[in-house]
Amino acid sequence: MEDKKPIVLTKPSDIRAFQLLALKGAMKLEMKGLKLSRGGSAFATVKRMYPQLTGSRKQIFIGYMNILRDMGLPLAEDMKDGEMKNGKEKVQ
């Protein structure tokens, strides 16, 4: 069995990356009908952070995913056998 070590985020850039990825997860849950426990929705937060994202929830999510990819953040959706796939989803 593998020993799992805790992840410690100490650099501000790591903490920011975690926050952005947590927002992605919250958006996925909101698309399935779940809500955050307090504050505004994840979609409202993302739209406030990136006002250029407009359209349906799906279009905003795809646009946000593309922004995260442009930042170089590793996304589970892009992993294939431990390697990053190339390319971005296009907003239709």
Protein backbone atom coordinates (compact mmCIF):
# COMPACT_ATOMS: atom_id res chain seq x y z
CA MET A 1 0.00 0.00 0.00
CA GLU A 2 1.24 3.49 -0.85
CA ASP A 3 2.01 5.95 1.92
CA LYS A 4 0.15 9.14 1.17
CA LYS A 5 1.93 12.28 2.25
CA PRO A 6 -0.03 15.43 3.05
CA ILE A 7 0.19 18.31 0.63
CA VAL A 8 1.39 21.52 2.21
CA LEU A 9 0.74 24.74 0.34
CA THR A 10 3.03 27.51 1.55
CA LYS A 11 3.66 29.68 -1.51
CA PRO A 12 1.02 32.28 -2.40
CA SER A 13 0.95 30.96 -5.98
CA ASP A 14 0.16 27.43 -4.74
CA ILE A 15 -2.61 28.73 -2.49
CA ARG A 16 -4.09 30.74 -5.38
CA ALA A 17 -3.96 27.69 -7.66
CA PHE A 18 -5.81 25.65 -5.03
CA GLN A 19 -8.49 28.35 -4.75
CA LEU A 20 -8.97 28.42 -8.53
CA LEU A 21 -9.24 24.63 -8.71
CA ALA A 22 -11.68 24.59 -5.78
CA LEU A 23 -13.86 27.05 -7.71
CA LYS A 24 -13.80 24.67 -10.69
CA GLY A 25 -15.07 21.88 -8.44
CA ALA A 26 -17.78 24.11 -7.00
CA MET A 27 -18.91 25.03 -10.53
CA LYS A 28 -19.19 21.35 -11.46
CA LEU A 29 -21.35 20.71 -8.37
CA GLU A 30 -23.55 23.73 -9.13
CA MET A 31 -24.13 22.43 -12.66
CA LYS A 32 -25.47 19.24 -11.02
CA GLY A 33 -27.82 21.23 -8.80
CA LEU A 34 -25.84 21.58 -5.55
CA LYS A 35 -25.15 24.96 -3.96
CA LEU A 36 -22.29 26.39 -1.94
CA SER A 37 -23.09 26.61 1.74
CA ARG A 38 -22.60 30.36 2.02
CA GLY A 39 -21.89 33.42 -0.06
CA GLY A 40 -22.60 33.76 -3.75
CA SER A 41 -22.49 31.02 -6.33
CA ALA A 42 -19.22 29.82 -7.84
CA PHE A 43 -20.44 31.04 -11.24
CA ALA A 44 -21.02 34.54 -9.86
CA THR A 45 -17.52 34.53 -8.37
CA VAL A 46 -15.93 33.41 -11.64
CA LYS A 47 -17.92 35.96 -13.66
CA ARG A 48 -16.78 38.68 -11.26
CA MET A 49 -13.14 37.54 -11.61
CA TYR A 50 -13.33 37.13 -15.41
CA PRO A 51 -16.02 39.47 -16.82
CA GLN A 52 -15.19 38.37 -20.37
CA LEU A 53 -16.86 35.01 -19.65
CA THR A 54 -20.47 35.23 -20.75
CA GLY A 55 -23.19 32.92 -21.99
CA SER A 56 -24.65 29.75 -20.53
CA ARG A 57 -23.23 27.99 -17.49
CA LYS A 58 -21.63 25.43 -19.80
CA GLN A 59 -19.96 28.15 -21.89
CA ILE A 60 -18.69 29.91 -18.76
CA PHE A 61 -17.34 26.61 -17.39
CA ILE A 62 -15.53 25.79 -20.65
CA GLY A 63 -14.09 29.31 -20.78
CA TYR A 64 -12.91 29.02 -17.17
CA MET A 65 -11.32 25.64 -17.89
CA ASN A 66 -9.44 27.21 -20.81
CA ILE A 67 -8.21 30.00 -18.53
CA LEU A 68 -6.95 27.40 -16.02
CA ARG A 69 -5.19 25.51 -18.84
CA ASP A 70 -3.57 28.75 -20.05
CA MET A 71 -2.26 29.24 -16.49
CA GLY A 72 -0.68 25.79 -16.71
CA LEU A 73 -2.73 24.27 -13.90
CA PRO A 74 -3.00 20.47 -14.04
CA LEU A 75 -6.62 19.47 -14.60
CA ALA A 76 -7.86 15.93 -14.04
CA GLU A 77 -9.84 16.21 -17.28
CA ASP A 78 -6.57 16.68 -19.19
CA MET A 79 -4.69 13.78 -17.67
CA LYS A 80 -4.24 10.61 -19.68
CA ASP A 81 -1.99 7.97 -18.15
CA GLY A 82 -0.21 10.63 -16.09
CA GLU A 83 0.48 12.88 -19.09
CA MET A 84 -1.23 16.08 -20.19
CA LYS A 85 -3.25 15.92 -23.39
CA ASN A 86 -2.84 18.82 -25.79
CA GLY A 87 -5.56 21.16 -26.96
CA LYS A 88 -8.38 23.20 -25.55
CA GLU A 89 -12.12 22.86 -25.69
CA LYS A 90 -13.77 25.44 -27.87
CA VAL A 91 -16.82 27.40 -26.77
CA GLN A 92 -19.61 26.77 -29.24
